[in-house]
Amino acid sequence: MLVGNKSDLEDERAVSTEDAKEFAEKENLFFLETSALQATNVESAFQTVLSEIFKIHSKKNIVTDPKANGAAPPLAGKKVLVPGPAQEIPKSKCCSSM
C-alpha cells in the first residue's frame, strides 16, 4: 500500500497524484492520499492496511489436506465461556469449600 500523506499541502507537493498513482499501479500497490489536518482518508488507510494484513494472514493459516478434496481442515480450539448478564460463571470444585 502506498499512502500519500499531507494531501492538504498542495503547494508543497513533491510528487503529483498522477505520478503516485502510476507508481502504485506499476508496483501493484493500493494507493490512497490522506490528510490528518482535514481528516481525509486517515481511518480508511488504517482499515485498508488491517484488512489486507488479515486477508494475507488468513490465507497463510489455512492449509488444505490433499485427501480432503480442497476442504479446509477443522480448526483446533478451546471453547471459552463468556458470561453475559443472564449467565452465571461456573464455580470450580476446588474453590467451593472456601
N, C-alpha and C. Protein backbone atom coordinates (compact mmCIF):
# COMPACT_ATOMS: atom_id res chain seq x y z
N MET A 1 0.85 -1.18 0.00
CA MET A 1 0.00 0.00 0.00
C MET A 1 0.89 1.23 0.00
N LEU A 2 0.53 2.19 -0.82
CA LEU A 2 1.25 3.45 -0.88
C LEU A 2 0.32 4.54 -0.39
N VAL A 3 0.72 5.24 0.67
CA VAL A 3 -0.10 6.30 1.24
C VAL A 3 0.62 7.62 1.08
N GLY A 4 -0.05 8.55 0.40
CA GLY A 4 0.47 9.91 0.30
C GLY A 4 -0.11 10.73 1.43
N ASN A 5 0.76 11.26 2.28
CA ASN A 5 0.32 12.00 3.46
C ASN A 5 0.37 13.51 3.19
N LYS A 6 -0.37 14.24 4.00
CA LYS A 6 -0.42 15.71 3.93
C LYS A 6 -0.95 16.19 2.58
N SER A 7 -2.00 15.56 2.11
CA SER A 7 -2.58 15.94 0.82
C SER A 7 -3.17 17.35 0.85
N ASP A 8 -3.32 17.91 2.04
CA ASP A 8 -3.84 19.28 2.17
C ASP A 8 -2.80 20.33 1.79
N LEU A 9 -1.53 19.95 1.71
CA LEU A 9 -0.46 20.90 1.39
C LEU A 9 -0.13 20.84 -0.11
N GLU A 10 -1.08 21.21 -0.94
CA GLU A 10 -0.93 21.15 -2.40
C GLU A 10 0.29 21.92 -2.89
N ASP A 11 0.56 23.08 -2.34
CA ASP A 11 1.66 23.93 -2.81
C ASP A 11 3.04 23.35 -2.48
N GLU A 12 3.09 22.45 -1.52
CA GLU A 12 4.37 21.88 -1.11
C GLU A 12 4.55 20.44 -1.61
N ARG A 13 3.68 20.02 -2.50
CA ARG A 13 3.69 18.65 -3.01
C ARG A 13 4.99 18.35 -3.75
N ALA A 14 5.63 17.23 -3.39
CA ALA A 14 6.85 16.80 -4.06
C ALA A 14 6.55 15.82 -5.19
N VAL A 15 5.45 15.08 -5.06
CA VAL A 15 5.06 14.06 -6.05
C VAL A 15 3.61 14.31 -6.43
N SER A 16 3.33 14.36 -7.71
CA SER A 16 1.95 14.59 -8.15
C SER A 16 1.11 13.35 -7.87
N THR A 17 -0.19 13.56 -7.74
CA THR A 17 -1.12 12.44 -7.52
C THR A 17 -1.02 11.45 -8.67
N GLU A 18 -0.94 11.96 -9.89
CA GLU A 18 -0.85 11.07 -11.06
C GLU A 18 0.41 10.23 -11.03
N ASP A 19 1.55 10.83 -10.68
CA ASP A 19 2.80 10.06 -10.60
C ASP A 19 2.71 8.98 -9.53
N ALA A 20 2.12 9.32 -8.40
CA ALA A 20 1.96 8.35 -7.31
C ALA A 20 1.04 7.22 -7.73
N LYS A 21 -0.06 7.56 -8.42
CA LYS A 21 -1.00 6.52 -8.89
C LYS A 21 -0.31 5.60 -9.89
N GLU A 22 0.45 6.17 -10.82
CA GLU A 22 1.16 5.36 -11.81
C GLU A 22 2.16 4.43 -11.15
N PHE A 23 2.92 4.97 -10.19
CA PHE A 23 3.90 4.15 -9.48
C PHE A 23 3.21 3.01 -8.74
N ALA A 24 2.14 3.32 -8.02
CA ALA A 24 1.41 2.30 -7.26
C ALA A 24 0.87 1.22 -8.19
N GLU A 25 0.34 1.63 -9.32
CA GLU A 25 -0.19 0.65 -10.28
C GLU A 25 0.93 -0.25 -10.82
N LYS A 26 2.07 0.38 -11.15
CA LYS A 26 3.21 -0.37 -11.68
C LYS A 26 3.72 -1.39 -10.66
N GLU A 27 3.71 -1.01 -9.40
CA GLU A 27 4.21 -1.88 -8.33
C GLU A 27 3.13 -2.76 -7.72
N ASN A 28 1.92 -2.70 -8.29
CA ASN A 28 0.78 -3.49 -7.81
C ASN A 28 0.44 -3.16 -6.35
N LEU A 29 0.36 -1.85 -6.06
CA LEU A 29 0.05 -1.37 -4.72
C LEU A 29 -1.28 -0.62 -4.72
N PHE A 30 -1.94 -0.63 -3.59
CA PHE A 30 -3.13 0.18 -3.40
C PHE A 30 -2.65 1.59 -3.06
N PHE A 31 -3.25 2.62 -3.66
CA PHE A 31 -2.83 4.00 -3.42
C PHE A 31 -3.95 4.80 -2.79
N LEU A 32 -3.56 5.63 -1.82
CA LEU A 32 -4.52 6.47 -1.12
C LEU A 32 -3.79 7.70 -0.61
N GLU A 33 -4.43 8.86 -0.74
CA GLU A 33 -3.87 10.09 -0.17
C GLU A 33 -4.64 10.44 1.10
N THR A 34 -3.90 10.93 2.09
CA THR A 34 -4.53 11.26 3.36
C THR A 34 -4.15 12.67 3.81
N SER A 35 -4.97 13.19 4.70
CA SER A 35 -4.67 14.45 5.38
C SER A 35 -5.23 14.37 6.79
N ALA A 36 -4.35 14.33 7.76
CA ALA A 36 -4.81 14.31 9.14
C ALA A 36 -5.43 15.66 9.51
N LEU A 37 -4.89 16.72 8.94
CA LEU A 37 -5.41 18.06 9.23
C LEU A 37 -6.87 18.19 8.82
N GLN A 38 -7.20 17.65 7.64
CA GLN A 38 -8.57 17.72 7.12
C GLN A 38 -9.37 16.45 7.44
N ALA A 39 -8.76 15.52 8.15
CA ALA A 39 -9.39 14.24 8.49
C ALA A 39 -9.89 13.52 7.24
N THR A 40 -9.03 13.47 6.23
CA THR A 40 -9.38 12.84 4.95
C THR A 40 -8.66 11.50 4.81
N ASN A 41 -9.42 10.43 4.70
CA ASN A 41 -8.91 9.07 4.40
C ASN A 41 -7.97 8.47 5.45
N VAL A 42 -7.84 9.08 6.61
CA VAL A 42 -6.92 8.53 7.62
C VAL A 42 -7.46 7.19 8.14
N GLU A 43 -8.72 7.18 8.54
CA GLU A 43 -9.31 5.94 9.03
C GLU A 43 -9.37 4.89 7.93
N SER A 44 -9.69 5.31 6.74
CA SER A 44 -9.76 4.40 5.60
C SER A 44 -8.40 3.74 5.34
N ALA A 45 -7.32 4.52 5.48
CA ALA A 45 -5.98 3.96 5.28
C ALA A 45 -5.69 2.86 6.29
N PHE A 46 -6.01 3.11 7.56
CA PHE A 46 -5.78 2.10 8.59
C PHE A 46 -6.65 0.87 8.36
N GLN A 47 -7.90 1.08 8.03
CA GLN A 47 -8.80 -0.06 7.80
C GLN A 47 -8.33 -0.90 6.61
N THR A 48 -7.86 -0.25 5.57
CA THR A 48 -7.38 -0.97 4.40
C THR A 48 -6.15 -1.79 4.74
N VAL A 49 -5.21 -1.19 5.45
CA VAL A 49 -4.00 -1.92 5.84
C VAL A 49 -4.36 -3.12 6.70
N LEU A 50 -5.20 -2.92 7.69
CA LEU A 50 -5.58 -4.03 8.58
C LEU A 50 -6.33 -5.12 7.82
N SER A 51 -7.21 -4.74 6.91
CA SER A 51 -7.95 -5.72 6.12
C SER A 51 -7.01 -6.56 5.27
N GLU A 52 -6.05 -5.92 4.64
CA GLU A 52 -5.10 -6.65 3.80
C GLU A 52 -4.21 -7.57 4.63
N ILE A 53 -3.76 -7.10 5.79
CA ILE A 53 -2.97 -7.96 6.67
C ILE A 53 -3.78 -9.17 7.09
N PHE A 54 -5.05 -8.96 7.45
CA PHE A 54 -5.92 -10.06 7.86
C PHE A 54 -6.09 -11.07 6.73
N LYS A 55 -6.34 -10.58 5.50
CA LYS A 55 -6.51 -11.47 4.35
C LYS A 55 -5.26 -12.32 4.12
N ILE A 56 -4.11 -11.68 4.14
CA ILE A 56 -2.85 -12.40 3.90
C ILE A 56 -2.60 -13.41 5.01
N HIS A 57 -2.80 -12.98 6.24
CA HIS A 57 -2.57 -13.87 7.39
C HIS A 57 -3.54 -15.06 7.36
N SER A 58 -4.79 -14.81 7.01
CA SER A 58 -5.79 -15.88 6.96
C SER A 58 -5.44 -16.90 5.89
N LYS A 59 -4.97 -16.44 4.74
CA LYS A 59 -4.59 -17.35 3.66
C LYS A 59 -3.41 -18.22 4.07
N LYS A 60 -2.48 -17.67 4.82
CA LYS A 60 -1.31 -18.44 5.24
C LYS A 60 -1.67 -19.49 6.28
N ASN A 61 -2.69 -19.22 7.09
CA ASN A 61 -3.06 -20.15 8.16
C ASN A 61 -3.91 -21.31 7.68
N ILE A 62 -4.54 -21.19 6.52
CA ILE A 62 -5.40 -22.27 6.04
C ILE A 62 -4.58 -23.17 5.12
N VAL A 63 -4.31 -24.35 5.59
CA VAL A 63 -3.57 -25.33 4.81
C VAL A 63 -4.52 -26.49 4.55
N THR A 64 -4.72 -26.81 3.28
CA THR A 64 -5.67 -27.87 2.98
C THR A 64 -4.98 -29.22 2.93
N ASP A 65 -5.71 -30.22 3.31
CA ASP A 65 -5.26 -31.60 3.28
C ASP A 65 -5.55 -32.15 1.89
N PRO A 66 -4.55 -32.71 1.20
CA PRO A 66 -4.79 -33.22 -0.15
C PRO A 66 -5.90 -34.28 -0.19
N LYS A 67 -6.11 -35.00 0.91
CA LYS A 67 -7.14 -36.03 0.96
C LYS A 67 -8.53 -35.45 1.21
N ALA A 68 -8.60 -34.16 1.54
CA ALA A 68 -9.88 -33.55 1.91
C ALA A 68 -10.59 -32.89 0.72
N ASN A 69 -10.09 -33.13 -0.50
CA ASN A 69 -10.70 -32.58 -1.71
C ASN A 69 -10.85 -31.06 -1.66
N GLY A 70 -9.85 -30.37 -1.15
CA GLY A 70 -9.88 -28.91 -1.13
C GLY A 70 -10.58 -28.30 0.08
N ALA A 71 -11.17 -29.11 0.93
CA ALA A 71 -11.84 -28.57 2.11
C ALA A 71 -10.81 -28.15 3.15
N ALA A 72 -11.09 -27.09 3.85
CA ALA A 72 -10.19 -26.61 4.89
C ALA A 72 -10.20 -27.58 6.06
N PRO A 73 -9.07 -27.75 6.73
CA PRO A 73 -9.03 -28.65 7.88
C PRO A 73 -9.82 -28.09 9.04
N PRO A 74 -10.31 -28.97 9.92
CA PRO A 74 -11.02 -28.45 11.09
C PRO A 74 -10.06 -27.64 11.95
N LEU A 75 -10.55 -26.56 12.48
CA LEU A 75 -9.71 -25.71 13.31
C LEU A 75 -9.69 -26.22 14.73
N ALA A 76 -8.50 -26.36 15.28
CA ALA A 76 -8.38 -26.79 16.67
C ALA A 76 -8.60 -25.57 17.55
N GLY A 77 -9.26 -25.79 18.64
CA GLY A 77 -9.51 -24.66 19.52
C GLY A 77 -10.08 -25.11 20.84
N LYS A 78 -10.35 -24.15 21.68
CA LYS A 78 -10.89 -24.41 23.01
C LYS A 78 -12.12 -23.54 23.17
N LYS A 79 -13.20 -24.13 23.66
CA LYS A 79 -14.43 -23.39 23.89
C LYS A 79 -14.24 -22.49 25.10
N VAL A 80 -14.61 -21.23 24.94
CA VAL A 80 -14.47 -20.26 26.02
C VAL A 80 -15.85 -19.73 26.37
N LEU A 81 -16.21 -19.80 27.64
CA LEU A 81 -17.48 -19.29 28.11
C LEU A 81 -17.32 -17.83 28.49
N VAL A 82 -18.08 -17.00 27.84
CA VAL A 82 -18.07 -15.57 28.16
C VAL A 82 -19.39 -15.26 28.82
N PRO A 83 -19.40 -15.08 30.13
CA PRO A 83 -20.66 -14.86 30.83
C PRO A 83 -21.29 -13.52 30.46
N GLY A 84 -22.58 -13.58 30.27
CA GLY A 84 -23.34 -12.37 29.99
C GLY A 84 -24.22 -12.05 31.17
N PRO A 85 -25.12 -11.10 31.01
CA PRO A 85 -25.97 -10.68 32.12
C PRO A 85 -26.87 -11.80 32.65
N ALA A 86 -27.27 -12.74 31.81
CA ALA A 86 -28.19 -13.79 32.24
C ALA A 86 -27.46 -15.10 32.54
N GLN A 87 -26.14 -15.10 32.53
CA GLN A 87 -25.38 -16.32 32.76
C GLN A 87 -24.57 -16.21 34.05
N GLU A 88 -24.35 -17.36 34.66
CA GLU A 88 -23.50 -17.39 35.85
C GLU A 88 -22.19 -18.05 35.48
N ILE A 89 -21.13 -17.62 36.13
CA ILE A 89 -19.84 -18.25 35.91
C ILE A 89 -19.82 -19.55 36.69
N PRO A 90 -19.54 -20.69 36.02
CA PRO A 90 -19.50 -21.96 36.75
C PRO A 90 -18.42 -21.96 37.82
N LYS A 91 -18.78 -22.45 39.01
CA LYS A 91 -17.84 -22.49 40.12
C LYS A 91 -17.00 -23.74 40.02
N SER A 92 -15.74 -23.61 40.30
CA SER A 92 -14.81 -24.71 40.27
C SER A 92 -14.98 -25.53 41.57
N LYS A 93 -14.78 -26.84 41.50
CA LYS A 93 -14.91 -27.70 42.67
C LYS A 93 -13.82 -27.36 43.71
N CYS A 94 -12.69 -26.90 43.22
CA CYS A 94 -11.59 -26.63 44.14
C CYS A 94 -11.87 -25.44 45.06
N CYS A 95 -12.72 -24.54 44.63
CA CYS A 95 -12.91 -23.31 45.39
C CYS A 95 -14.27 -23.25 46.12
N SER A 96 -15.10 -24.27 45.99
CA SER A 96 -16.45 -24.20 46.55
C SER A 96 -16.45 -24.33 48.08
N SER A 97 -15.41 -24.87 48.67
CA SER A 97 -15.40 -25.05 50.11
C SER A 97 -14.75 -23.87 50.84
N MET A 98 -14.33 -22.85 50.13
CA MET A 98 -13.67 -21.71 50.76
C MET A 98 -14.64 -20.78 51.38
